[in-house]
């Protein structure tokens, strides 16, 4: 009994030593918590960059490419960005039956209403987007960029760009804020921003791997610089820049694996970042990772 009392007394002494001091909150595992002022400052994270994502409908053939939009939103979330989604309140050029790949006769849809499907209802009219309230803007691809945000699908190099899309591109550019575009969307920047550098991938179809390769020539005709770039870098392209990482199955093992490098072109002068995405017929995970490279560069340029 005497030994038990001695042990209990020592434990009580330790507990007393851990009692919270005035102005501190107790923690569940014993030990002082920071004061209310310190806790406030410790729990106030640095605000993430405010990024506007501009959609063009819902569905690859007449609106936004859903996989690209989703990838952009996932990577922005991972990067800690505060995202607001926009779309113009205008009629779609037409409605495509995505099974038949043909126009649905007599059917009309609104770009803002259709884009709300991707945004889970949280969407704003593009007319309300200004560069003052955002640090960057990103445009996914899909034929909607060439049909609803512009007339590129019909008119090519002589196309017209939606007035709010043109205004937004010019505002962000003049404010020195980064703009990201993927897939066919870089044609918007090529048309609006004189002398900009962009990529839509390769300039030859290469057996169908790049089915829209002819877009590059139109971009050059618009006075922009087209940079040939893949979704990933091949062995021949990367050359001495291969990044090798050991598999590490055991000490001294000579086994190695290759870290795949995904690409995005950065026009440092104009702060425009582009990646080919579905301009290339390749695996979805490569598209996702290539878009991730674009998003990371946009966030870096945003400096937040």
Protein backbone atom coordinates (compact mmCIF):
# COMPACT_ATOMS: atom_id res chain seq x y z
CA UNK A 1 0.00 0.00 0.00
CA UNK A 2 2.83 2.39 0.81
CA UNK A 3 4.37 1.69 -2.60
CA UNK A 4 1.03 2.39 -4.33
CA UNK A 5 0.68 5.72 -2.50
CA UNK A 6 4.20 6.72 -3.52
CA UNK A 7 3.47 5.89 -7.17
CA UNK A 8 0.16 7.78 -7.10
CA UNK A 9 1.86 10.80 -5.53
CA UNK A 10 4.51 10.84 -8.28
CA UNK A 11 1.86 10.64 -11.01
CA UNK A 12 -0.11 13.50 -9.44
CA UNK A 13 3.05 15.58 -9.35
CA UNK A 14 3.59 14.98 -13.05
CA UNK A 15 -0.05 15.86 -13.81
CA UNK A 16 0.24 19.06 -11.83
CA UNK A 17 3.33 19.95 -13.79
CA UNK A 18 1.32 19.63 -16.99
CA UNK A 19 -1.60 21.74 -15.79
CA UNK A 20 -2.38 24.56 -18.23
CA UNK A 21 -1.07 28.00 -17.37
CA UNK A 22 -3.42 30.99 -17.38
CA UNK A 23 -4.36 32.03 -20.89
CA UNK A 24 -3.67 28.57 -22.35
CA UNK A 25 -6.17 25.90 -23.38
CA UNK A 26 -5.65 22.27 -22.26
CA UNK A 27 -4.90 19.70 -24.93
CA UNK A 28 -6.52 16.25 -24.80
CA UNK A 29 -3.12 14.54 -24.50
CA UNK A 30 -1.84 16.71 -21.68
CA UNK A 31 0.25 19.81 -22.18
CA UNK A 32 -0.49 23.46 -22.85
CA UNK A 33 -2.27 24.68 -25.95
CA UNK A 34 -1.44 28.02 -27.53
CA UNK A 35 -3.27 31.11 -26.38
CA UNK A 36 -6.34 32.23 -28.33
CA UNK A 37 -4.25 34.84 -30.15
CA UNK A 38 -1.50 32.35 -31.04
CA UNK A 39 -4.05 29.76 -32.09
CA UNK A 40 -5.72 32.29 -34.40
CA UNK A 41 -2.48 33.11 -36.18
CA UNK A 42 -1.44 29.46 -36.40
CA UNK A 43 -4.77 28.47 -37.94
CA UNK A 44 -4.90 31.25 -40.53
CA UNK A 45 -3.46 29.67 -43.71
CA UNK A 46 -2.08 31.78 -46.48
CA UNK A 47 -4.91 32.36 -48.96
CA UNK A 48 -4.55 30.40 -52.19
CA UNK A 49 -4.61 31.95 -55.64
CA UNK A 50 -8.02 32.92 -56.96
CA UNK A 51 -8.45 31.16 -60.31
CA UNK A 52 -11.27 31.63 -62.81
CA UNK A 53 -12.11 28.57 -64.92
CA UNK A 54 -14.01 29.40 -68.12
CA UNK A 55 -16.25 26.66 -69.56
CA UNK A 56 -17.96 26.40 -72.95
CA UNK A 57 -20.80 23.97 -72.36
CA UNK A 58 -20.89 20.31 -71.38
CA UNK A 59 -19.67 17.61 -73.78
CA UNK A 60 -16.62 17.31 -76.01
CA UNK A 61 -18.37 17.75 -79.38
CA UNK A 62 -20.41 20.84 -78.57
CA UNK A 63 -19.03 22.14 -75.28
CA UNK A 64 -16.30 21.64 -72.68
CA UNK A 65 -14.27 18.41 -72.71
CA UNK A 66 -15.34 16.98 -69.35
CA UNK A 67 -12.14 15.05 -68.58
CA UNK A 68 -10.07 18.18 -69.16
CA UNK A 69 -12.33 20.33 -66.99
CA UNK A 70 -12.29 17.73 -64.23
CA UNK A 71 -8.50 17.40 -64.38
CA UNK A 72 -8.09 21.16 -64.15
CA UNK A 73 -10.37 21.33 -61.11
CA UNK A 74 -8.61 18.42 -59.40
CA UNK A 75 -5.16 19.93 -59.88
CA UNK A 76 -6.35 23.38 -58.78
CA UNK A 77 -7.83 21.83 -55.65
CA UNK A 78 -4.58 20.02 -54.94
CA UNK A 79 -2.70 23.28 -55.46
CA UNK A 80 -4.83 25.05 -52.86
CA UNK A 81 -6.49 27.42 -55.33
CA UNK A 82 -9.77 29.18 -54.73
CA UNK A 83 -11.80 28.44 -57.87
CA UNK A 84 -14.73 30.24 -59.43
CA UNK A 85 -16.32 28.85 -62.60
CA UNK A 86 -17.69 31.00 -65.41
CA UNK A 87 -19.36 30.55 -68.80
CA UNK A 88 -21.00 32.93 -71.27
CA UNK A 89 -24.78 33.20 -71.18
CA UNK A 90 -25.24 32.52 -74.91
CA UNK A 91 -26.84 29.82 -77.08
CA UNK A 92 -24.67 26.92 -78.19
CA UNK A 93 -23.73 26.86 -81.87
CA UNK A 94 -25.62 23.55 -82.07
CA UNK A 95 -26.29 20.41 -80.04
CA UNK A 96 -24.45 17.20 -80.91
CA UNK A 97 -25.79 13.72 -80.21
CA UNK A 98 -22.68 12.26 -78.58
CA UNK A 99 -23.62 8.71 -79.55
CA UNK A 100 -24.25 9.40 -83.23
CA UNK A 101 -21.76 12.27 -83.48
CA UNK A 102 -24.34 14.26 -85.43
CA UNK A 103 -26.31 17.47 -84.77
CA UNK A 104 -29.65 17.03 -83.00
CA UNK A 105 -32.07 18.81 -85.28
CA UNK A 106 -34.37 21.36 -83.65
CA UNK A 107 -32.64 21.20 -80.25
CA UNK A 108 -31.08 24.26 -78.62
CA UNK A 109 -29.11 24.64 -75.42
CA UNK A 110 -27.54 27.48 -73.43
CA UNK A 111 -23.79 27.48 -72.74
CA UNK A 112 -24.11 28.80 -69.17
CA UNK A 113 -26.87 26.33 -68.30
CA UNK A 114 -24.97 23.37 -69.75
CA UNK A 115 -21.70 24.39 -68.08
CA UNK A 116 -23.51 24.43 -64.73
CA UNK A 117 -23.64 20.63 -64.98
CA UNK A 118 -19.85 20.51 -64.59
CA UNK A 119 -19.81 23.25 -61.96
CA UNK A 120 -22.43 21.43 -59.87
CA UNK A 121 -24.60 24.52 -60.18
CA UNK A 122 -22.03 26.95 -58.80
CA UNK A 123 -21.38 29.04 -61.88
CA UNK A 124 -21.34 32.72 -62.84
CA UNK A 125 -22.04 34.55 -66.08
CA UNK A 126 -18.73 35.29 -67.83
CA UNK A 127 -19.83 38.92 -68.22
CA UNK A 128 -19.11 39.32 -64.48
CA UNK A 129 -15.53 38.04 -64.61
CA UNK A 130 -12.81 40.67 -64.18
CA UNK A 131 -9.07 40.31 -63.72
CA UNK A 132 -9.24 42.58 -60.67
CA UNK A 133 -10.81 39.82 -58.57
CA UNK A 134 -8.71 36.88 -59.76
CA UNK A 135 -5.06 35.88 -60.00
CA UNK A 136 -5.30 33.62 -63.06
CA UNK A 137 -7.71 32.26 -65.67
CA UNK A 138 -7.83 28.79 -67.23
CA UNK A 139 -9.71 27.64 -70.33
CA UNK A 140 -10.32 23.89 -70.85
CA UNK A 141 -10.71 22.55 -74.36
CA UNK A 142 -13.48 20.72 -76.13
CA UNK A 143 -15.16 21.83 -79.34
CA UNK A 144 -17.11 24.39 -77.34
CA UNK A 145 -14.00 26.59 -77.32
CA UNK A 146 -14.11 26.57 -81.12
CA UNK A 147 -17.91 26.71 -81.47
CA UNK A 148 -19.28 28.67 -78.51
CA UNK A 149 -16.35 30.78 -77.27
CA UNK A 150 -15.38 31.54 -80.87
CA UNK A 151 -16.31 30.66 -84.43
CA UNK A 152 -13.00 28.88 -85.07
CA UNK A 153 -14.68 25.58 -85.96
CA UNK A 154 -16.43 27.27 -88.89
CA UNK A 155 -14.21 30.20 -89.85
CA UNK A 156 -10.70 29.08 -88.93
CA UNK A 157 -8.20 31.95 -88.90
CA UNK A 158 -10.87 34.54 -89.74
CA UNK A 159 -12.92 33.54 -86.70
CA UNK A 160 -14.53 35.89 -84.22
CA UNK A 161 -14.05 35.45 -80.48
CA UNK A 162 -16.91 35.93 -78.03
CA UNK A 163 -16.71 39.53 -76.78
CA UNK A 164 -16.46 38.58 -73.10
CA UNK A 165 -13.84 35.91 -73.83
CA UNK A 166 -11.78 38.47 -75.74
CA UNK A 167 -12.20 41.03 -72.95
CA UNK A 168 -11.15 38.54 -70.25
CA UNK A 169 -8.06 37.42 -72.19
CA UNK A 170 -6.97 41.02 -72.74
CA UNK A 171 -7.67 42.05 -69.15
CA UNK A 172 -5.63 39.23 -67.62
CA UNK A 173 -2.84 39.75 -70.14
CA UNK A 174 -2.65 43.49 -69.53
CA UNK A 175 -2.69 42.90 -65.78
CA UNK A 176 0.26 40.50 -66.08
CA UNK A 177 -1.80 37.62 -64.71
CA UNK A 178 -1.29 34.08 -66.07
CA UNK A 179 -3.65 32.37 -68.49
CA UNK A 180 -3.80 28.60 -68.98
CA UNK A 181 -5.34 26.94 -72.03
CA UNK A 182 -5.42 23.33 -73.18
CA UNK A 183 -6.47 21.26 -76.19
CA UNK A 184 -8.03 23.54 -78.86
CA UNK A 185 -8.44 26.51 -76.49
CA UNK A 186 -4.98 28.00 -77.28
CA UNK A 187 -6.44 29.24 -80.58
CA UNK A 188 -8.33 31.83 -78.49
CA UNK A 189 -5.07 33.28 -77.21
CA UNK A 190 -3.50 33.09 -80.67
CA UNK A 191 -6.37 35.12 -82.08
CA UNK A 192 -6.58 37.73 -79.32
CA UNK A 193 -3.02 38.14 -78.00
CA UNK A 194 -0.64 39.22 -80.73
CA UNK A 195 2.65 37.32 -80.92
CA UNK A 196 1.81 34.86 -78.15
CA UNK A 197 3.54 31.47 -77.93
CA UNK A 198 1.29 28.41 -77.61
CA UNK A 199 1.19 24.70 -78.31
CA UNK A 200 -1.56 22.45 -79.60
CA UNK A 201 0.91 19.55 -79.92
CA UNK A 202 2.55 18.31 -83.11
CA UNK A 203 2.29 19.68 -86.64
CA UNK A 204 1.92 16.34 -88.42
CA UNK A 205 -0.85 13.79 -87.88
CA UNK A 206 1.68 10.96 -87.42
CA UNK A 207 -0.67 8.15 -88.37
CA UNK A 208 -3.65 9.59 -86.54
CA UNK A 209 -1.98 10.24 -83.19
CA UNK A 210 -2.44 13.99 -83.77
CA UNK A 211 -5.73 14.19 -85.72
CA UNK A 212 -6.00 17.99 -85.43
CA UNK A 213 -2.38 18.77 -86.34
CA UNK A 214 -3.48 21.26 -89.00
CA UNK A 215 -4.51 23.67 -86.23
CA UNK A 216 -0.84 24.57 -85.75
CA UNK A 217 -0.62 26.12 -89.23
CA UNK A 218 -3.66 28.29 -88.56
CA UNK A 219 -2.12 29.45 -85.29
CA UNK A 220 1.04 30.48 -87.14
CA UNK A 221 -1.05 32.27 -89.79
CA UNK A 222 -2.61 34.30 -86.98
CA UNK A 223 0.84 35.65 -86.12
CA UNK A 224 1.36 33.51 -83.03
CA UNK A 225 4.33 31.21 -82.49
CA UNK A 226 3.49 27.52 -82.38
CA UNK A 227 5.78 25.36 -80.26
CA UNK A 228 5.83 21.66 -81.10
CA UNK A 229 5.27 19.76 -77.89
CA UNK A 230 3.88 16.41 -76.82
CA UNK A 231 1.76 15.42 -73.88
CA UNK A 232 4.80 13.53 -72.60
CA UNK A 233 8.46 13.73 -73.57
CA UNK A 234 9.80 10.78 -75.54
CA UNK A 235 13.25 9.24 -75.09
CA UNK A 236 14.53 10.95 -78.24
CA UNK A 237 13.16 14.34 -77.18
CA UNK A 238 14.39 14.17 -73.62
CA UNK A 239 17.91 12.96 -74.44
CA UNK A 240 20.20 13.75 -71.55
CA UNK A 241 17.32 15.14 -69.51
CA UNK A 242 15.99 11.70 -68.52
CA UNK A 243 15.38 11.60 -64.79
CA UNK A 244 16.28 8.18 -63.46
CA UNK A 245 15.09 7.03 -60.02
CA UNK A 246 16.16 3.81 -58.29
CA UNK A 247 13.45 1.26 -57.56
CA UNK A 248 15.29 0.53 -54.30
CA UNK A 249 14.34 -3.11 -53.79
CA UNK A 250 17.52 -3.55 -51.76
CA UNK A 251 20.93 -2.04 -50.98
CA UNK A 252 23.21 -1.83 -53.96
CA UNK A 253 20.55 -2.85 -56.47
CA UNK A 254 21.20 -1.65 -60.02
CA UNK A 255 17.52 -1.53 -61.06
CA UNK A 256 16.11 1.78 -62.21
CA UNK A 257 12.79 3.21 -63.37
CA UNK A 258 12.02 6.25 -65.52
CA UNK A 259 10.08 9.18 -64.15
CA UNK A 260 7.65 10.18 -66.90
CA UNK A 261 7.79 13.87 -67.74
CA UNK A 262 4.59 15.63 -68.78
CA UNK A 263 4.67 18.81 -70.78
CA UNK A 264 3.25 22.30 -70.78
CA UNK A 265 4.63 25.21 -72.76
CA UNK A 266 5.23 28.42 -70.85
CA UNK A 267 5.34 31.75 -72.66
CA UNK A 268 7.16 33.63 -69.91
CA UNK A 269 6.79 37.03 -71.55
CA UNK A 270 3.01 36.82 -71.93
CA UNK A 271 2.40 34.47 -68.98
CA UNK A 272 0.44 32.06 -71.16
CA UNK A 273 0.66 28.33 -70.38
CA UNK A 274 -0.62 25.69 -72.82
CA UNK A 275 -0.69 21.91 -73.12
CA UNK A 276 -2.05 19.71 -75.96
CA UNK A 277 -4.34 17.46 -73.88
CA UNK A 278 -6.84 15.69 -76.19
CA UNK A 279 -5.33 17.15 -79.32
CA UNK A 280 -3.33 13.96 -78.95
CA UNK A 281 -4.85 10.48 -79.11
CA UNK A 282 -3.24 9.10 -75.97
CA UNK A 283 -4.11 7.57 -72.61
CA UNK A 284 -6.33 9.52 -70.23
CA UNK A 285 -3.80 9.48 -67.38
CA UNK A 286 -1.26 11.22 -69.63
CA UNK A 287 -3.86 13.89 -70.44
CA UNK A 288 -4.55 14.32 -66.72
CA UNK A 289 -0.87 14.64 -65.85
CA UNK A 290 -0.13 17.00 -68.74
CA UNK A 291 -2.93 19.27 -67.55
CA UNK A 292 -1.40 19.03 -64.08
CA UNK A 293 1.85 20.42 -65.48
CA UNK A 294 -0.09 23.33 -66.99
CA UNK A 295 -1.95 24.07 -63.76
CA UNK A 296 1.24 23.98 -61.67
CA UNK A 297 2.93 26.47 -64.01
CA UNK A 298 -0.10 28.77 -63.92
CA UNK A 299 -0.07 28.74 -60.11
CA UNK A 300 3.67 29.40 -60.07
CA UNK A 301 3.23 32.40 -62.35
CA UNK A 302 0.38 33.62 -60.17
CA UNK A 303 2.95 33.88 -57.40
CA UNK A 304 0.55 32.92 -54.64
